[in-house]
Every structure is written in structure tokens, then in C-alpha cells.
N, C-alpha and C. Protein backbone atom coordinates (compact mmCIF):
# COMPACT_ATOMS: atom_id res chain seq x y z
N MET A 1 -20.00 245.77 13.13
CA MET A 1 -19.04 246.19 13.88
C MET A 1 -19.29 247.43 14.82
N LEU A 2 -19.78 248.39 14.14
CA LEU A 2 -20.28 249.70 14.90
C LEU A 2 -21.43 249.37 15.67
N SER A 3 -22.26 248.34 15.46
CA SER A 3 -23.26 248.04 16.26
C SER A 3 -22.71 247.42 17.84
N VAL A 4 -21.70 246.64 17.54
CA VAL A 4 -21.15 245.99 18.82
C VAL A 4 -20.40 247.11 19.53
N ILE A 5 -19.81 248.04 18.86
CA ILE A 5 -19.09 249.14 19.64
C ILE A 5 -20.15 249.96 20.43
N SER A 6 -21.02 250.33 19.58
CA SER A 6 -22.25 251.10 20.21
C SER A 6 -22.84 250.36 21.38
N THR A 7 -23.16 249.24 21.18
CA THR A 7 -23.76 248.40 22.38
C THR A 7 -23.00 248.35 23.60
N THR A 8 -21.60 248.15 23.33
CA THR A 8 -20.54 247.95 24.41
C THR A 8 -20.50 249.35 25.08
N LEU A 9 -20.52 250.46 24.32
CA LEU A 9 -20.51 251.80 25.00
C LEU A 9 -21.73 251.99 25.71
N LEU A 10 -22.97 251.61 25.13
CA LEU A 10 -24.15 251.82 25.91
C LEU A 10 -24.13 251.23 27.34
N ILE A 11 -23.71 249.91 27.14
CA ILE A 11 -23.76 249.08 28.32
C ILE A 11 -22.71 249.71 29.46
N GLY A 12 -21.69 250.17 28.99
CA GLY A 12 -20.63 250.86 29.81
C GLY A 12 -21.17 252.11 30.53
N CYS A 13 -21.90 252.95 29.70
CA CYS A 13 -22.60 254.23 30.05
C CYS A 13 -23.76 253.77 31.29
N ILE A 14 -24.43 252.90 30.90
CA ILE A 14 -25.63 252.49 31.72
C ILE A 14 -24.98 251.83 33.06
N GLN A 15 -23.82 251.15 33.07
CA GLN A 15 -23.30 250.58 34.26
C GLN A 15 -22.74 251.84 35.08
N LEU A 16 -22.00 252.82 34.62
CA LEU A 16 -21.48 253.96 35.22
C LEU A 16 -22.74 254.70 35.90
N ALA A 17 -23.94 255.08 35.11
CA ALA A 17 -24.94 255.73 35.52
C ALA A 17 -25.86 255.05 36.64
N TYR A 18 -26.16 253.73 36.26
CA TYR A 18 -26.94 253.08 37.17
C TYR A 18 -26.20 252.08 38.22
N GLY A 19 -24.87 251.69 37.94
CA GLY A 19 -24.20 250.84 38.66
C GLY A 19 -24.33 249.43 38.15
N GLN A 20 -23.23 248.61 38.30
CA GLN A 20 -23.03 247.17 37.88
C GLN A 20 -24.29 246.60 38.56
N ASP A 21 -24.65 246.89 39.79
CA ASP A 21 -25.71 245.97 40.47
C ASP A 21 -26.97 246.18 39.73
N SER A 22 -27.23 247.13 38.95
CA SER A 22 -28.68 247.46 38.30
C SER A 22 -28.65 246.48 37.14
N VAL A 23 -27.49 246.28 36.58
CA VAL A 23 -27.47 245.40 35.36
C VAL A 23 -27.55 243.96 35.88
N ASP A 24 -27.00 243.49 36.95
CA ASP A 24 -27.17 242.16 37.49
C ASP A 24 -28.55 241.98 37.98
N ILE A 25 -29.14 242.89 38.53
CA ILE A 25 -30.53 242.80 39.16
C ILE A 25 -31.44 242.41 37.98
N CYS A 26 -31.25 243.05 36.82
CA CYS A 26 -32.25 242.98 35.66
C CYS A 26 -32.01 241.60 34.90
N LEU A 27 -30.85 240.85 35.12
CA LEU A 27 -30.79 239.48 34.82
C LEU A 27 -31.30 238.48 35.56
N LEU A 28 -31.73 238.63 36.75
CA LEU A 28 -32.28 237.76 37.81
C LEU A 28 -33.61 237.15 37.27
N ASP A 29 -34.08 235.89 37.47
CA ASP A 29 -35.21 235.28 37.36
C ASP A 29 -36.24 236.11 38.02
N MET A 30 -37.52 236.03 37.69
CA MET A 30 -38.64 236.55 38.45
C MET A 30 -38.83 235.51 39.36
N GLN A 31 -39.02 235.95 40.73
CA GLN A 31 -39.39 234.80 41.72
C GLN A 31 -40.53 235.40 42.39
N VAL A 32 -41.67 234.48 42.47
CA VAL A 32 -42.87 234.88 43.22
C VAL A 32 -42.65 234.83 44.78
N GLY A 33 -41.63 233.95 45.21
CA GLY A 33 -41.55 233.73 46.54
C GLY A 33 -42.57 232.80 47.19
N PRO A 34 -42.18 232.28 48.52
CA PRO A 34 -43.01 230.98 48.92
C PRO A 34 -44.36 231.42 49.67
N CYS A 35 -44.40 232.94 50.01
CA CYS A 35 -45.87 233.16 50.52
C CYS A 35 -46.95 233.43 49.47
N GLU A 36 -48.11 233.49 50.10
CA GLU A 36 -49.31 233.35 49.27
C GLU A 36 -50.04 234.66 48.98
N ALA A 37 -49.46 235.79 49.20
CA ALA A 37 -50.14 236.93 48.93
C ALA A 37 -50.16 237.22 47.44
N LEU A 38 -50.92 238.06 46.88
CA LEU A 38 -51.09 238.17 45.37
C LEU A 38 -50.76 239.70 45.14
N ILE A 39 -49.62 240.22 45.40
CA ILE A 39 -49.22 241.50 45.27
C ILE A 39 -48.74 241.86 43.78
N PRO A 40 -49.68 242.80 43.11
CA PRO A 40 -49.13 243.18 41.72
C PRO A 40 -47.84 243.82 41.79
N GLN A 41 -46.76 243.33 41.06
CA GLN A 41 -45.60 243.96 41.02
C GLN A 41 -44.99 243.75 39.64
N TYR A 42 -43.81 244.27 39.26
CA TYR A 42 -43.13 244.20 38.04
C TYR A 42 -41.88 243.56 38.12
N TYR A 43 -41.50 242.90 37.04
CA TYR A 43 -39.94 242.48 37.05
C TYR A 43 -39.40 242.65 35.57
N TYR A 44 -38.06 242.76 35.31
CA TYR A 44 -37.54 242.81 34.12
C TYR A 44 -37.33 241.31 33.47
N ASN A 45 -37.97 241.01 32.33
CA ASN A 45 -37.93 239.77 31.75
C ASN A 45 -36.77 240.02 30.64
N ALA A 46 -35.75 239.42 30.98
CA ALA A 46 -34.48 239.62 30.10
C ALA A 46 -34.66 238.96 28.71
N GLY A 47 -35.48 237.96 28.72
CA GLY A 47 -35.77 237.14 27.50
C GLY A 47 -36.64 237.84 26.57
N SER A 48 -37.64 238.57 27.05
CA SER A 48 -38.59 239.40 26.14
C SER A 48 -37.84 240.90 25.97
N GLY A 49 -37.00 241.20 26.98
CA GLY A 49 -36.51 242.68 27.00
C GLY A 49 -37.38 243.51 27.35
N GLN A 50 -38.25 243.33 28.23
CA GLN A 50 -39.34 244.39 28.75
C GLN A 50 -39.80 243.81 30.19
N CYS A 51 -40.25 245.13 30.83
CA CYS A 51 -40.72 244.88 32.13
C CYS A 51 -42.21 244.29 32.12
N GLU A 52 -42.51 243.18 32.98
CA GLU A 52 -43.80 242.69 32.90
C GLU A 52 -44.30 242.60 34.27
N GLN A 53 -45.70 242.36 34.45
CA GLN A 53 -46.25 242.35 35.69
C GLN A 53 -46.24 240.93 36.03
N PHE A 54 -46.25 240.68 37.44
CA PHE A 54 -46.59 239.24 38.11
C PHE A 54 -47.17 239.55 39.46
N PHE A 55 -47.54 238.47 39.90
CA PHE A 55 -48.09 238.55 41.26
C PHE A 55 -46.97 238.02 42.41
N TYR A 56 -46.45 238.79 43.24
CA TYR A 56 -45.63 238.59 44.19
C TYR A 56 -46.28 237.86 45.42
N GLY A 57 -45.63 236.80 45.94
CA GLY A 57 -46.07 236.28 47.03
C GLY A 57 -46.21 236.87 48.56
N GLY A 58 -45.27 237.88 48.60
CA GLY A 58 -45.17 238.98 49.60
C GLY A 58 -43.81 238.46 50.51
N CYS A 59 -42.98 237.40 50.26
CA CYS A 59 -42.03 237.36 51.04
C CYS A 59 -40.84 236.56 50.26
N GLU A 60 -39.63 236.90 50.53
CA GLU A 60 -38.28 236.43 49.96
C GLU A 60 -38.37 236.87 48.42
N GLY A 61 -38.07 236.16 47.47
CA GLY A 61 -37.82 236.44 46.10
C GLY A 61 -36.69 237.10 45.98
N ASN A 62 -36.37 238.13 44.97
CA ASN A 62 -35.09 238.57 44.75
C ASN A 62 -35.20 240.09 44.49
N GLU A 63 -34.12 240.59 44.03
CA GLU A 63 -34.13 242.04 43.83
C GLU A 63 -34.83 242.61 42.60
N ASN A 64 -35.00 241.60 41.59
CA ASN A 64 -35.64 241.98 40.25
C ASN A 64 -37.37 241.95 40.56
N ILE A 65 -37.66 243.03 41.37
CA ILE A 65 -39.09 243.28 41.75
C ILE A 65 -39.30 244.81 41.96
N PHE A 66 -40.36 245.40 41.37
CA PHE A 66 -40.55 246.71 41.31
C PHE A 66 -42.03 247.09 41.62
N ASN A 67 -42.25 248.23 42.10
CA ASN A 67 -43.83 248.58 42.46
C ASN A 67 -44.34 248.98 41.25
N THR A 68 -43.65 249.75 40.37
CA THR A 68 -44.29 250.25 39.09
C THR A 68 -43.55 249.71 37.88
N VAL A 69 -44.12 249.83 36.63
CA VAL A 69 -43.50 249.67 35.59
C VAL A 69 -42.48 250.84 35.24
N GLU A 70 -42.79 251.95 35.55
CA GLU A 70 -41.80 253.01 35.26
C GLU A 70 -40.49 252.91 36.34
N GLU A 71 -40.53 252.38 37.45
CA GLU A 71 -39.48 251.96 38.24
C GLU A 71 -38.59 250.82 37.56
N CYS A 72 -39.27 249.91 37.18
CA CYS A 72 -38.51 248.80 36.45
C CYS A 72 -37.90 249.20 35.20
N GLU A 73 -38.62 250.18 34.40
CA GLU A 73 -37.90 250.52 33.27
C GLU A 73 -36.75 251.58 33.44
N SER A 74 -36.91 252.31 34.48
CA SER A 74 -35.69 253.18 34.90
C SER A 74 -34.45 252.43 35.48
N THR A 75 -34.75 251.32 36.00
CA THR A 75 -33.58 250.46 36.42
C THR A 75 -33.06 249.55 35.54
N CYS A 76 -33.81 248.97 34.51
CA CYS A 76 -33.37 248.19 33.58
C CYS A 76 -33.74 248.70 32.18
N PRO A 77 -32.94 249.78 31.78
CA PRO A 77 -33.18 250.49 30.47
C PRO A 77 -32.58 249.65 29.32
N ILE A 78 -31.78 248.67 29.48
CA ILE A 78 -31.25 248.02 28.33
C ILE A 78 -32.16 246.93 27.81
N ILE A 79 -32.27 246.79 26.57
CA ILE A 79 -32.83 245.72 25.95
C ILE A 79 -31.80 244.53 25.80
N TYR A 80 -31.87 243.53 26.62
CA TYR A 80 -30.68 242.60 26.80
C TYR A 80 -30.45 241.78 25.65
N ILE A 81 -31.36 241.65 24.78
CA ILE A 81 -31.24 240.77 23.59
C ILE A 81 -29.89 241.35 22.96
N GLU A 82 -29.67 242.64 22.86
CA GLU A 82 -28.52 243.27 22.25
C GLU A 82 -27.25 242.42 22.95
N LEU A 83 -27.25 242.34 24.06
CA LEU A 83 -26.06 241.72 24.77
C LEU A 83 -25.64 240.51 24.12
N CYS A 84 -26.72 239.69 23.66
CA CYS A 84 -26.46 238.37 22.89
C CYS A 84 -25.60 238.52 21.72
N MET A 85 -25.64 239.71 21.12
CA MET A 85 -24.94 239.96 19.85
C MET A 85 -23.26 240.34 19.98
N LEU A 86 -22.96 240.52 21.38
CA LEU A 86 -21.61 240.82 21.55
C LEU A 86 -20.69 239.68 21.39
N PRO A 87 -19.32 239.78 21.07
CA PRO A 87 -18.52 238.56 20.81
C PRO A 87 -18.10 238.20 22.35
N PRO A 88 -17.67 237.01 22.57
CA PRO A 88 -17.06 236.63 23.84
C PRO A 88 -15.96 237.40 24.12
N ASP A 89 -15.86 237.68 25.39
CA ASP A 89 -14.62 238.61 25.84
C ASP A 89 -14.14 238.09 27.31
N LYS A 90 -13.02 237.39 27.21
CA LYS A 90 -12.57 236.84 28.44
C LYS A 90 -11.97 237.85 29.53
N GLY A 91 -11.77 239.03 28.96
CA GLY A 91 -11.17 240.00 29.94
C GLY A 91 -9.63 239.93 30.06
N PRO A 92 -8.97 240.91 30.55
CA PRO A 92 -7.60 240.90 30.76
C PRO A 92 -7.08 240.07 32.07
N CYS A 93 -7.89 239.68 32.84
CA CYS A 93 -7.36 238.83 34.08
C CYS A 93 -7.12 237.47 33.65
N ASP A 94 -6.60 236.75 34.66
CA ASP A 94 -6.00 235.36 34.37
C ASP A 94 -6.76 234.22 35.16
N ALA A 95 -7.88 234.39 35.70
CA ALA A 95 -8.41 233.38 36.26
C ALA A 95 -9.15 232.52 35.21
N ALA A 96 -9.69 231.42 35.46
CA ALA A 96 -10.13 230.32 34.48
C ALA A 96 -11.59 229.91 34.91
N ILE A 97 -12.48 230.78 34.53
CA ILE A 97 -13.91 230.45 35.31
C ILE A 97 -14.73 230.19 34.04
N PRO A 98 -15.31 228.79 34.09
CA PRO A 98 -16.14 228.51 33.03
C PRO A 98 -17.30 229.22 32.82
N MET A 99 -17.67 229.83 31.77
CA MET A 99 -19.02 230.79 31.64
C MET A 99 -19.61 230.29 30.32
N TYR A 100 -20.60 230.99 29.94
CA TYR A 100 -21.39 230.63 28.71
C TYR A 100 -21.43 232.24 27.98
N PHE A 101 -21.58 231.94 26.53
CA PHE A 101 -21.78 233.03 25.75
C PHE A 101 -22.81 232.68 24.63
N PHE A 102 -23.46 233.63 24.31
CA PHE A 102 -24.32 233.34 22.96
C PHE A 102 -23.58 233.67 21.80
N ASP A 103 -23.32 232.57 20.95
CA ASP A 103 -22.46 232.63 19.66
C ASP A 103 -23.25 233.20 18.58
N ALA A 104 -23.30 234.54 18.33
CA ALA A 104 -24.30 235.16 17.42
C ALA A 104 -23.64 235.01 16.15
N ALA A 105 -22.46 235.06 15.97
CA ALA A 105 -21.57 235.15 14.72
C ALA A 105 -21.34 233.73 14.23
N GLY A 106 -21.58 232.65 15.05
CA GLY A 106 -21.18 231.46 14.55
C GLY A 106 -22.42 230.32 14.74
N SER A 107 -22.60 229.67 15.83
CA SER A 107 -23.43 228.56 15.90
C SER A 107 -24.80 228.91 16.15
N LYS A 108 -24.92 230.24 16.62
CA LYS A 108 -26.33 230.77 17.12
C LYS A 108 -26.94 229.86 18.32
N GLN A 109 -25.97 229.47 19.14
CA GLN A 109 -26.23 228.76 20.40
C GLN A 109 -25.44 229.37 21.49
N CYS A 110 -25.80 228.96 22.81
CA CYS A 110 -25.00 229.13 23.80
C CYS A 110 -23.84 228.28 24.00
N GLU A 111 -22.68 228.90 24.14
CA GLU A 111 -21.35 228.07 24.00
C GLU A 111 -20.51 228.32 25.31
N GLN A 112 -19.70 227.46 25.74
CA GLN A 112 -18.94 227.68 26.78
C GLN A 112 -17.72 228.37 26.50
N PHE A 113 -17.16 229.17 27.31
CA PHE A 113 -15.70 229.73 27.15
C PHE A 113 -15.30 229.98 28.56
N ILE A 114 -13.99 230.38 28.52
CA ILE A 114 -13.23 230.64 29.80
C ILE A 114 -13.12 232.12 30.04
N TYR A 115 -13.58 232.53 31.17
CA TYR A 115 -13.69 234.09 31.45
C TYR A 115 -12.37 234.22 32.46
N GLY A 116 -11.82 235.26 32.13
CA GLY A 116 -10.65 235.61 33.05
C GLY A 116 -10.91 236.20 34.36
N GLY A 117 -11.97 236.58 34.59
CA GLY A 117 -12.55 236.99 36.04
C GLY A 117 -12.61 238.50 36.12
N CYS A 118 -12.39 239.32 35.20
CA CYS A 118 -12.56 240.67 35.32
C CYS A 118 -12.99 241.27 33.99
N LEU A 119 -13.60 242.42 34.05
CA LEU A 119 -14.09 243.16 32.83
C LEU A 119 -14.61 242.25 31.73
N GLY A 120 -14.26 242.27 30.55
CA GLY A 120 -15.10 241.61 29.68
C GLY A 120 -16.37 242.31 29.28
N ASN A 121 -17.28 241.58 28.76
CA ASN A 121 -18.53 242.31 28.46
C ASN A 121 -19.75 241.58 29.17
N GLU A 122 -21.07 241.92 28.80
CA GLU A 122 -22.15 241.33 29.39
C GLU A 122 -22.67 240.08 28.66
N ASN A 123 -22.05 239.65 27.65
CA ASN A 123 -22.46 238.38 27.00
C ASN A 123 -21.73 237.12 27.73
N ARG A 124 -22.13 236.98 28.96
CA ARG A 124 -21.31 236.21 29.80
C ARG A 124 -22.42 235.79 30.87
N PHE A 125 -22.60 234.32 30.99
CA PHE A 125 -23.58 233.93 31.91
C PHE A 125 -23.04 232.71 32.51
N SER A 126 -23.39 232.48 33.95
CA SER A 126 -22.97 231.44 34.67
C SER A 126 -23.47 230.11 34.43
N THR A 127 -24.56 230.10 33.75
CA THR A 127 -25.10 228.61 33.37
C THR A 127 -25.74 228.65 31.84
N HIS A 128 -25.54 227.67 31.42
CA HIS A 128 -26.10 227.38 29.98
C HIS A 128 -27.60 227.69 29.84
N ALA A 129 -28.31 227.55 30.85
CA ALA A 129 -29.81 227.73 30.98
C ALA A 129 -30.03 229.09 31.12
N GLU A 130 -29.15 229.95 31.83
CA GLU A 130 -29.42 231.41 32.02
C GLU A 130 -29.05 232.08 30.52
N CYS A 131 -28.04 231.63 29.88
CA CYS A 131 -27.77 232.10 28.53
C CYS A 131 -28.95 231.92 27.74
N GLU A 132 -29.29 230.81 27.59
CA GLU A 132 -30.46 230.55 26.66
C GLU A 132 -31.77 231.33 27.03
N ARG A 133 -32.03 231.49 28.46
CA ARG A 133 -33.26 232.49 28.87
C ARG A 133 -33.07 233.84 28.45
N VAL A 134 -32.01 234.41 28.58
CA VAL A 134 -31.73 235.81 28.36
C VAL A 134 -31.71 235.99 26.71
N CYS A 135 -30.93 235.19 26.17
CA CYS A 135 -31.00 235.16 24.47
C CYS A 135 -32.11 234.64 23.81
N ASN A 136 -33.14 234.20 24.66
CA ASN A 136 -34.53 233.84 24.19
C ASN A 136 -34.38 232.67 23.09
N LEU A 137 -33.73 231.52 23.70
CA LEU A 137 -33.69 230.34 22.80
C LEU A 137 -34.76 229.39 23.32
């Protein structure tokens, strides 16, 4: 229980310090882009919980791209595997948005739940595949 509270507080502090956008950027898949340059860059691999090098094509892609491993690590300081240990949290709002969470306490699989649309915690994924990728299944 203390670990869950500590992780939740850590995530909240990181979001305040770095902004919610930093957390979301770090969960994006690595994208090489359609161009054919071979530019060494770094991205945060949420599945492994670390920054890794890849070769960027030079155009398009997404925001999970960094010039140096230090820049990547300063933007994505959380080891996302810890997020998968949090219980599902629908939040206080009343929307009914189907989302997925990793059920660490029960099935040890990604399960669907209904998200209320605000707050909650970071063990919340738009797709089953994203949940499995981040929680390294």
C-alpha cells in the first residue's frame, strides 16, 4: 500500500514539475518517420523503462524524440513499469470512457474499465495494445 501511495505521489510531483505533457510524451511509441535519413536520436521506451537510441528518418514522427540520452532521461524520469502496479482509478468525473489498466493485483493482464474522464492515475491506456506494451507483456 505504501508503495502505491509513494508511486502516486511521485507521479503527481513529476507532473507538477515537468507538466502532464511530459508524461504523455514518454508513453508515445517510437516513430522513425517516413523519410530515409539515419539521424541517431533517443526515445523513451515505456516497456523497458529506459531511454534507447534509434535512427530517425528526418521527418514527421512524434514528440518522443530527443537529441541526447540526457535530454530523454530528464524529460522522462519515471520508470513506467511502476505505473502498472497502481490500482484502476476512474476518477471523480462522470464520463463513461472505455480504457484499459494493468491488473497487477488480480489477473496480471490488461483489463478494460470505465474512466470518468478526469484525474484518476496513470495506469490508464487508450488501447489494450498500449497497456500491454507499457506494462511489458
